[in-house]
Each structure stands twice: as C-alpha cells, then as structure tokens.
C-alpha cells in the first residue's frame, strides 16, 4: 500500500540521485555533441586511412550494449571514478549516433554551397566553420535533442558500476525501508516531469526550424 509519509521521506533521497543523473546527462551530452561532430568531419576525410578506422570504431560501439561498455571500462580501469567512467562511456556511445545525425545534416547542405566556396578559394577550414557547419547543425538540432533525452533515460545503467544516480538511490531507499513502490514511483515521476517538457520543446523547435 502507498504510504505518503514514506514517500515524503524518500523524496530528498531520490532528488539527490536526480542531481547525479542530471550531471551525467549534461556532461555526457557535451561529450557526445563535440565528439560526434568530430567523427562526422573525419568520416569525410579524403583518405581511407582515416575513414576506415573511424567507421570500424563507430560500428563496433553502436553494435555493443551500453551496459556492457560501462562494465568493461569499469573493470579494465579500476582506479577511475565510476561517475567519470559513466559520463565518458555514455558520451562516446551516443557520439556514434550523433555523428550520423551530423553526417546527414552535412549531406543536406546544397552542393552549390560547396561549389561557391571553391569558387571563392576559401580555405577548407573556413569553409567548414563559416559555411557548412552552421547550416548543417541548424538542421539537426531537434534530432540531437532527442538523443539527449534518450541518454537521460539510460542513466539508470550507471548503477551497474555503482554510480549513485536516481534509480540506484531509489532502489537503496526501497531496500532499507521496504518501500519499493514509493521509491520507484517517485523516480518514474521525476523522469516524466523532466523528460516530457523537453520532448515537447524539441517538437516545437523542429517545427520552427522547418519553416
């Protein structure tokens, strides 16, 4: 049976875990966005010595579960802080997906933009910074936002490497007080309250950018 007193007692504990969840999501997203963009650019390199290894790494990471990646790094690098491992693994894992999003945005830039840049004899670095990337990133912002939401909902996997994120804290509280119903309901409610408005914002942003 639901106990409101137990729920009130558990709320601060679950909210503390939410802070760790939010930190992992924000920092992991930064890693994913920056690294994903770098990978997307490298995959357009003129030499196969760059594109082939990058493609192999992308396919390997995308083809293995994030939970296995977390556990493997945790075991192989035992001296590293679990939260740092979690942020790095989530960021790298999602970078492989955001790289595909960036690649689609780059491919969507009209060919005439490339030809105009060549005609003006612009340096390649400036072409990317001033012409291609601003147009490409604008097109893919909503899709990138959706991956941030997905990462947020996958942070409970961090509990397998002892990171005290929200679901981990809810489970600990539930086991101590025999109140799993209250603990996990609070965690689910916080996930919903945090992710649903963000999802709606991404939809509105997608419609606005499509105009």
C-alpha atoms as a PDB file:
ATOM      1  CA  UNK A   1       0.000   0.000   0.000  1.00  0.00           C
ATOM      2  CA  UNK A   2       1.116   3.548  -0.759  1.00  0.00           C
ATOM      3  CA  UNK A   3       2.417   5.462   2.274  1.00  0.00           C
ATOM      4  CA  UNK A   4       2.637   9.245   1.899  1.00  0.00           C
ATOM      5  CA  UNK A   5       4.944   9.618   4.909  1.00  0.00           C
ATOM      6  CA  UNK A   6       7.414   7.167   3.389  1.00  0.00           C
ATOM      7  CA  UNK A   7       7.164   8.973   0.049  1.00  0.00           C
ATOM      8  CA  UNK A   8       7.957  12.317   1.711  1.00  0.00           C
ATOM      9  CA  UNK A   9      10.911  10.735   3.461  1.00  0.00           C
ATOM     10  CA  UNK A  10      12.206   9.214   0.237  1.00  0.00           C
ATOM     11  CA  UNK A  11      11.804  12.298  -1.958  1.00  0.00           C
ATOM     12  CA  UNK A  12      15.036  14.066  -0.829  1.00  0.00           C
ATOM     13  CA  UNK A  13      16.991  10.846  -1.364  1.00  0.00           C
ATOM     14  CA  UNK A  14      15.634  10.367  -4.868  1.00  0.00           C
ATOM     15  CA  UNK A  15      16.185  14.052  -5.695  1.00  0.00           C
ATOM     16  CA  UNK A  16      19.823  13.731  -4.611  1.00  0.00           C
ATOM     17  CA  UNK A  17      20.176  10.896  -7.092  1.00  0.00           C
ATOM     18  CA  UNK A  18      18.472  13.053  -9.714  1.00  0.00           C
ATOM     19  CA  UNK A  19      21.278  15.571  -9.338  1.00  0.00           C
ATOM     20  CA  UNK A  20      23.806  12.875 -10.282  1.00  0.00           C
ATOM     21  CA  UNK A  21      21.567  11.756 -13.147  1.00  0.00           C
ATOM     22  CA  UNK A  22      21.318  15.315 -14.454  1.00  0.00           C
ATOM     23  CA  UNK A  23      25.073  15.872 -14.159  1.00  0.00           C
ATOM     24  CA  UNK A  24      25.819  12.674 -16.070  1.00  0.00           C
ATOM     25  CA  UNK A  25      23.313  13.618 -18.768  1.00  0.00           C
ATOM     26  CA  UNK A  26      24.594  17.157 -19.258  1.00  0.00           C
ATOM     27  CA  UNK A  27      28.295  16.268 -19.329  1.00  0.00           C
ATOM     28  CA  UNK A  28      27.687  13.121 -21.358  1.00  0.00           C
ATOM     29  CA  UNK A  29      25.718  15.156 -23.884  1.00  0.00           C
ATOM     30  CA  UNK A  30      28.557  17.656 -24.224  1.00  0.00           C
ATOM     31  CA  UNK A  31      30.973  14.798 -24.947  1.00  0.00           C
ATOM     32  CA  UNK A  32      28.528  13.259 -27.431  1.00  0.00           C
ATOM     33  CA  UNK A  33      27.888  16.508 -29.317  1.00  0.00           C
ATOM     34  CA  UNK A  34      31.548  17.536 -29.622  1.00  0.00           C
ATOM     35  CA  UNK A  35      32.954  14.085 -30.359  1.00  0.00           C
ATOM     36  CA  UNK A  36      30.085  13.250 -32.711  1.00  0.00           C
ATOM     37  CA  UNK A  37      30.795  16.358 -34.777  1.00  0.00           C
ATOM     38  CA  UNK A  38      34.495  15.496 -34.939  1.00  0.00           C
ATOM     39  CA  UNK A  39      33.696  11.953 -36.092  1.00  0.00           C
ATOM     40  CA  UNK A  40      31.305  13.245 -38.752  1.00  0.00           C
ATOM     41  CA  UNK A  41      34.001  15.519 -40.155  1.00  0.00           C
ATOM     42  CA  UNK A  42      36.644  12.772 -40.032  1.00  0.00           C
ATOM     43  CA  UNK A  43      34.372  10.435 -41.983  1.00  0.00           C
ATOM     44  CA  UNK A  44      34.565  12.904 -44.868  1.00  0.00           C
ATOM     45  CA  UNK A  45      38.365  12.894 -44.856  1.00  0.00           C
ATOM     46  CA  UNK A  46      39.951  12.374 -48.288  1.00  0.00           C
ATOM     47  CA  UNK A  47      41.980   9.320 -47.204  1.00  0.00           C
ATOM     48  CA  UNK A  48      40.783   5.816 -46.303  1.00  0.00           C
ATOM     49  CA  UNK A  49      43.493   5.639 -43.644  1.00  0.00           C
ATOM     50  CA  UNK A  50      41.222   7.924 -41.621  1.00  0.00           C
ATOM     51  CA  UNK A  51      37.714   6.994 -42.750  1.00  0.00           C
ATOM     52  CA  UNK A  52      38.041   3.193 -42.446  1.00  0.00           C
ATOM     53  CA  UNK A  53      39.275   3.070 -38.797  1.00  0.00           C
ATOM     54  CA  UNK A  54      36.682   5.667 -37.802  1.00  0.00           C
ATOM     55  CA  UNK A  55      33.903   3.677 -39.459  1.00  0.00           C
ATOM     56  CA  UNK A  56      35.058   0.469 -37.721  1.00  0.00           C
ATOM     57  CA  UNK A  57      35.025   2.160 -34.309  1.00  0.00           C
ATOM     58  CA  UNK A  58      31.574   3.648 -34.940  1.00  0.00           C
ATOM     59  CA  UNK A  59      30.096   0.291 -35.935  1.00  0.00           C
ATOM     60  CA  UNK A  60      31.751  -1.514 -33.017  1.00  0.00           C
ATOM     61  CA  UNK A  61      30.439   0.919 -30.399  1.00  0.00           C
ATOM     62  CA  UNK A  62      26.968   1.052 -31.930  1.00  0.00           C
ATOM     63  CA  UNK A  63      26.783  -2.749 -32.087  1.00  0.00           C
ATOM     64  CA  UNK A  64      27.504  -3.363 -28.385  1.00  0.00           C
ATOM     65  CA  UNK A  65      25.150  -2.562 -25.475  1.00  0.00           C
ATOM     66  CA  UNK A  66      25.999   0.471 -23.393  1.00  0.00           C
ATOM     67  CA  UNK A  67      25.702  -1.606 -20.198  1.00  0.00           C
ATOM     68  CA  UNK A  68      28.434  -3.960 -21.414  1.00  0.00           C
ATOM     69  CA  UNK A  69      30.618  -0.994 -22.358  1.00  0.00           C
ATOM     70  CA  UNK A  70      30.159   0.536 -18.904  1.00  0.00           C
ATOM     71  CA  UNK A  71      31.032  -2.679 -17.110  1.00  0.00           C
ATOM     72  CA  UNK A  72      34.024  -3.395 -19.368  1.00  0.00           C
ATOM     73  CA  UNK A  73      35.607   0.020 -18.824  1.00  0.00           C
ATOM     74  CA  UNK A  74      34.869  -0.150 -15.101  1.00  0.00           C
ATOM     75  CA  UNK A  75      36.695  -3.486 -14.843  1.00  0.00           C
ATOM     76  CA  UNK A  76      39.587  -2.515 -17.118  1.00  0.00           C
ATOM     77  CA  UNK A  77      40.191   0.884 -15.447  1.00  0.00           C
ATOM     78  CA  UNK A  78      39.564   0.135 -11.753  1.00  0.00           C
ATOM     79  CA  UNK A  79      41.205   3.272 -10.400  1.00  0.00           C
ATOM     80  CA  UNK A  80      38.927   5.705 -12.232  1.00  0.00           C
ATOM     81  CA  UNK A  81      35.915   7.338 -10.590  1.00  0.00           C
ATOM     82  CA  UNK A  82      32.717   5.459 -11.608  1.00  0.00           C
ATOM     83  CA  UNK A  83      30.860   8.675 -12.431  1.00  0.00           C
ATOM     84  CA  UNK A  84      33.693   9.768 -14.723  1.00  0.00           C
ATOM     85  CA  UNK A  85      33.554   6.383 -16.434  1.00  0.00           C
ATOM     86  CA  UNK A  86      29.800   6.680 -16.806  1.00  0.00           C
ATOM     87  CA  UNK A  87      29.969  10.147 -18.343  1.00  0.00           C
ATOM     88  CA  UNK A  88      32.738   9.126 -20.738  1.00  0.00           C
ATOM     89  CA  UNK A  89      31.069   5.893 -21.851  1.00  0.00           C
ATOM     90  CA  UNK A  90      27.643   7.486 -22.319  1.00  0.00           C
ATOM     91  CA  UNK A  91      29.222  10.378 -24.207  1.00  0.00           C
ATOM     92  CA  UNK A  92      31.261   8.137 -26.502  1.00  0.00           C
ATOM     93  CA  UNK A  93      28.374   5.728 -27.049  1.00  0.00           C
ATOM     94  CA  UNK A  94      25.998   8.487 -28.088  1.00  0.00           C
ATOM     95  CA  UNK A  95      28.691  10.261 -30.096  1.00  0.00           C
ATOM     96  CA  UNK A  96      28.483   7.393 -32.580  1.00  0.00           C
ATOM     97  CA  UNK A  97      24.790   8.156 -33.076  1.00  0.00           C
ATOM     98  CA  UNK A  98      25.118  11.942 -33.129  1.00  0.00           C
ATOM     99  CA  UNK A  99      27.876  11.565 -35.739  1.00  0.00           C
ATOM    100  CA  UNK A 100      25.309  10.022 -38.069  1.00  0.00           C
ATOM    101  CA  UNK A 101      22.947  12.909 -37.370  1.00  0.00           C
ATOM    102  CA  UNK A 102      25.681  15.430 -38.152  1.00  0.00           C
ATOM    103  CA  UNK A 103      26.598  13.469 -41.289  1.00  0.00           C
ATOM    104  CA  UNK A 104      23.009  13.672 -42.511  1.00  0.00           C
ATOM    105  CA  UNK A 105      22.980  17.410 -41.838  1.00  0.00           C
ATOM    106  CA  UNK A 106      26.243  17.903 -43.732  1.00  0.00           C
ATOM    107  CA  UNK A 107      24.959  15.848 -46.669  1.00  0.00           C
ATOM    108  CA  UNK A 108      21.832  18.006 -46.716  1.00  0.00           C
ATOM    109  CA  UNK A 109      23.824  21.191 -47.365  1.00  0.00           C
ATOM    110  CA  UNK A 110      23.237  22.075 -51.051  1.00  0.00           C
ATOM    111  CA  UNK A 111      26.095  21.189 -53.360  1.00  0.00           C
ATOM    112  CA  UNK A 112      26.069  24.765 -54.593  1.00  0.00           C
ATOM    113  CA  UNK A 113      27.398  25.910 -51.216  1.00  0.00           C
ATOM    114  CA  UNK A 114      30.496  23.747 -51.648  1.00  0.00           C
ATOM    115  CA  UNK A 115      30.964  24.912 -55.234  1.00  0.00           C
ATOM    116  CA  UNK A 116      30.627  28.561 -54.236  1.00  0.00           C
ATOM    117  CA  UNK A 117      33.230  28.130 -51.512  1.00  0.00           C
ATOM    118  CA  UNK A 118      35.623  26.545 -54.008  1.00  0.00           C
ATOM    119  CA  UNK A 119      34.986  29.351 -56.493  1.00  0.00           C
ATOM    120  CA  UNK A 120      35.877  31.907 -53.828  1.00  0.00           C
ATOM    121  CA  UNK A 121      39.066  29.970 -52.994  1.00  0.00           C
ATOM    122  CA  UNK A 122      38.160  29.825 -49.316  1.00  0.00           C
ATOM    123  CA  UNK A 123      40.454  27.770 -47.071  1.00  0.00           C
ATOM    124  CA  UNK A 124      38.975  24.366 -46.246  1.00  0.00           C
ATOM    125  CA  UNK A 125      38.871  25.106 -42.532  1.00  0.00           C
ATOM    126  CA  UNK A 126      36.944  28.315 -43.102  1.00  0.00           C
ATOM    127  CA  UNK A 127      34.525  26.539 -45.441  1.00  0.00           C
ATOM    128  CA  UNK A 128      33.638  24.133 -42.647  1.00  0.00           C
ATOM    129  CA  UNK A 129      33.425  26.770 -39.908  1.00  0.00           C
ATOM    130  CA  UNK A 130      31.647  29.548 -41.774  1.00  0.00           C
ATOM    131  CA  UNK A 131      29.610  27.813 -44.475  1.00  0.00           C
ATOM    132  CA  UNK A 132      28.920  24.120 -43.949  1.00  0.00           C
ATOM    133  CA  UNK A 133      28.657  23.519 -40.206  1.00  0.00           C
ATOM    134  CA  UNK A 134      26.332  26.453 -39.381  1.00  0.00           C
ATOM    135  CA  UNK A 135      23.834  25.185 -41.954  1.00  0.00           C
ATOM    136  CA  UNK A 136      24.249  21.514 -41.045  1.00  0.00           C
ATOM    137  CA  UNK A 137      23.930  21.954 -37.278  1.00  0.00           C
ATOM    138  CA  UNK A 138      20.801  24.087 -37.633  1.00  0.00           C
ATOM    139  CA  UNK A 139      19.083  21.262 -39.472  1.00  0.00           C
ATOM    140  CA  UNK A 140      19.866  18.581 -36.892  1.00  0.00           C
ATOM    141  CA  UNK A 141      19.298  20.361 -33.560  1.00  0.00           C
ATOM    142  CA  UNK A 142      15.945  18.599 -32.882  1.00  0.00           C
ATOM    143  CA  UNK A 143      17.439  15.163 -33.570  1.00  0.00           C
ATOM    144  CA  UNK A 144      20.366  15.928 -31.256  1.00  0.00           C
ATOM    145  CA  UNK A 145      17.899  16.962 -28.570  1.00  0.00           C
ATOM    146  CA  UNK A 146      16.125  13.621 -28.878  1.00  0.00           C
ATOM    147  CA  UNK A 147      19.408  11.818 -28.211  1.00  0.00           C
ATOM    148  CA  UNK A 148      19.906  13.899 -25.078  1.00  0.00           C
ATOM    149  CA  UNK A 149      16.519  12.710 -23.843  1.00  0.00           C
ATOM    150  CA  UNK A 150      17.446   9.119 -24.693  1.00  0.00           C
ATOM    151  CA  UNK A 151      20.696   9.439 -22.758  1.00  0.00           C
ATOM    152  CA  UNK A 152      18.804  10.850 -19.781  1.00  0.00           C
ATOM    153  CA  UNK A 153      16.544   7.786 -19.742  1.00  0.00           C
ATOM    154  CA  UNK A 154      19.522   5.415 -19.987  1.00  0.00           C
ATOM    155  CA  UNK A 155      21.384   6.839 -16.995  1.00  0.00           C
ATOM    156  CA  UNK A 156      19.972   4.065 -14.729  1.00  0.00           C
ATOM    157  CA  UNK A 157      22.511   1.769 -16.420  1.00  0.00           C
ATOM    158  CA  UNK A 158      25.168   3.659 -14.460  1.00  0.00           C
ATOM    159  CA  UNK A 159      24.033   1.805 -11.360  1.00  0.00           C
ATOM    160  CA  UNK A 160      25.835  -1.324 -12.628  1.00  0.00           C
ATOM    161  CA  UNK A 161      29.132   0.458 -11.922  1.00  0.00           C
ATOM    162  CA  UNK A 162      27.933   1.764  -8.515  1.00  0.00           C
ATOM    163  CA  UNK A 163      27.111   5.323  -9.609  1.00  0.00           C
ATOM    164  CA  UNK A 164      24.521   6.652  -7.164  1.00  0.00           C
ATOM    165  CA  UNK A 165      22.152   8.045  -9.770  1.00  0.00           C
ATOM    166  CA  UNK A 166      18.409   8.362  -9.226  1.00  0.00           C
ATOM    167  CA  UNK A 167      17.276   4.759  -9.776  1.00  0.00           C
ATOM    168  CA  UNK A 168      20.194   3.477  -7.681  1.00  0.00           C
ATOM    169  CA  UNK A 169      19.151   5.754  -4.818  1.00  0.00           C
ATOM    170  CA  UNK A 170      15.505   4.743  -5.199  1.00  0.00           C
ATOM    171  CA  UNK A 171      16.474   1.084  -5.030  1.00  0.00           C
ATOM    172  CA  UNK A 172      18.631   1.661  -1.946  1.00  0.00           C
ATOM    173  CA  UNK A 173      15.841   3.556  -0.183  1.00  0.00           C
ATOM    174  CA  UNK A 174      13.306   0.902  -1.129  1.00  0.00           C
ATOM    175  CA  UNK A 175      15.501  -1.927   0.177  1.00  0.00           C
ATOM    176  CA  UNK A 176      16.135  -0.202   3.519  1.00  0.00           C
ATOM    177  CA  UNK A 177      12.516   0.871   4.143  1.00  0.00           C
ATOM    178  CA  UNK A 178      10.767  -1.936   2.258  1.00  0.00           C
ATOM    179  CA  UNK A 179       9.119   0.769   0.181  1.00  0.00           C
ATOM    180  CA  UNK A 180       9.924  -0.016  -3.438  1.00  0.00           C
ATOM    181  CA  UNK A 181       6.524   1.228  -4.599  1.00  0.00           C
ATOM    182  CA  UNK A 182       7.066   4.733  -3.255  1.00  0.00           C
ATOM    183  CA  UNK A 183      10.729   4.909  -4.227  1.00  0.00           C
ATOM    184  CA  UNK A 184      10.374   3.793  -7.833  1.00  0.00           C
ATOM    185  CA  UNK A 185       7.152   5.754  -8.347  1.00  0.00           C
ATOM    186  CA  UNK A 186       8.979   8.914  -7.275  1.00  0.00           C
ATOM    187  CA  UNK A 187      11.837   8.130  -9.658  1.00  0.00           C
ATOM    188  CA  UNK A 188       9.435   7.469 -12.526  1.00  0.00           C
ATOM    189  CA  UNK A 189       7.543  10.699 -11.825  1.00  0.00           C
ATOM    190  CA  UNK A 190      10.760  12.733 -11.849  1.00  0.00           C
ATOM    191  CA  UNK A 191      11.845  11.115 -15.116  1.00  0.00           C
ATOM    192  CA  UNK A 192       8.464  12.024 -16.623  1.00  0.00           C
ATOM    193  CA  UNK A 193       8.452  15.597 -15.308  1.00  0.00           C
ATOM    194  CA  UNK A 194      11.983  16.190 -16.591  1.00  0.00           C
ATOM    195  CA  UNK A 195      11.767  14.484 -19.985  1.00  0.00           C
ATOM    196  CA  UNK A 196       8.242  15.239 -21.207  1.00  0.00           C
ATOM    197  CA  UNK A 197       8.560  19.064 -21.331  1.00  0.00           C
ATOM    198  CA  UNK A 198      11.942  18.674 -23.013  1.00  0.00           C
ATOM    199  CA  UNK A 199      10.389  16.394 -25.619  1.00  0.00           C
ATOM    200  CA  UNK A 200       7.643  18.939 -26.281  1.00  0.00           C
ATOM    201  CA  UNK A 201      10.270  21.691 -26.608  1.00  0.00           C
ATOM    202  CA  UNK A 202      12.165  19.625 -29.186  1.00  0.00           C
ATOM    203  CA  UNK A 203       8.989  19.173 -31.228  1.00  0.00           C
ATOM    204  CA  UNK A 204       8.273  22.906 -31.210  1.00  0.00           C
ATOM    205  CA  UNK A 205      11.882  23.640 -32.137  1.00  0.00           C
ATOM    206  CA  UNK A 206      11.710  21.136 -35.007  1.00  0.00           C
ATOM    207  CA  UNK A 207       8.588  22.820 -36.379  1.00  0.00           C
ATOM    208  CA  UNK A 208      10.144  26.277 -36.083  1.00  0.00           C
ATOM    209  CA  UNK A 209      13.368  25.263 -37.841  1.00  0.00           C
ATOM    210  CA  UNK A 210      11.369  23.588 -40.596  1.00  0.00           C
ATOM    211  CA  UNK A 211       9.706  26.886 -41.531  1.00  0.00           C
END
